[in-house]
Amino acid sequence: MTAPDAGRGIGGKTDPAIPAQPGPPGDTFRILHVSTGNVCRSPITERLTRHFLADRLGDPAGGGLIVESAGTWGHEGAPMETNAETVLADFGADASGFTGRELLDEHVITADLVLTATRDHRAQVVSMGHSAGLRTFTLKEFTRLVKAIDPATLPPLEDGVVERARALVRAAAALRGWLLAPTAEADEVYDPYGAPLPFFRSIGDEIHQALDPVVTALTGVAARA
């Protein structure tokens, strides 16, 4: 897909299915995944993030982490690509109820962390303004930075996952410029739109590998063996 992603998200609603640690009333942290059409990469990343958070934290009551997605040239109201649904099923993640949406200013304004599929997507988000630069990364860039952060320097989960997430973003932003990608391509998740299922699965594996250390850092809980 060559058009820019528009997004799928939650259309301004808080999804009660997203697990989170309890915090002060109204205390939330929004993660926005951005790709081009919001029917392949960002839906996979959104639903895998939710799935991994549920695995780490269970489903406690209360507010907390909200995970959404959108596309820079999103297919507003479109379903997820069938191959993307298959990839999610491979990981045991839920693809139901997804609809694509176009990336809007309000999505960027309310996001505490924006993770994009490519550097071009990152540039598009930052160009929208809203002081998005310090909280917008490509997914793989954020993974690289997170791996360099000492977990002991982050607030413990007992202080709330929202506070820990905010500290993680601040620490990653401080490292940017010091920890560069070995190649430009290292920060890219390529578009599988129109590709056969094996390529979708390879992209799903890339996203899985990039998300695992991010969710571990966010929650302070490693994946179950």
Foldseek 3Di string as FASTA:
>chain_A
DPAWKFFWWPVPDFDLLAAWDADPPPQEAEEEEEGAAHQAQRLLLQQVLSVQLCQFGPHDDHHYYGYTYTTQNYPFFQAHDPLRCVLCVVVVTDRPPTGTGGHDPVVQLRHQAYEYQAPVRQVVSVVSPNVNNLRYAHLLLLLQLLVPDDLVVFDACVNILSRRLNVSSNSSSVCPVVRDDPDRCSRHQDDCVPHDSVVSNVSSVVSVVSVQSVSCSSRVGHGDD
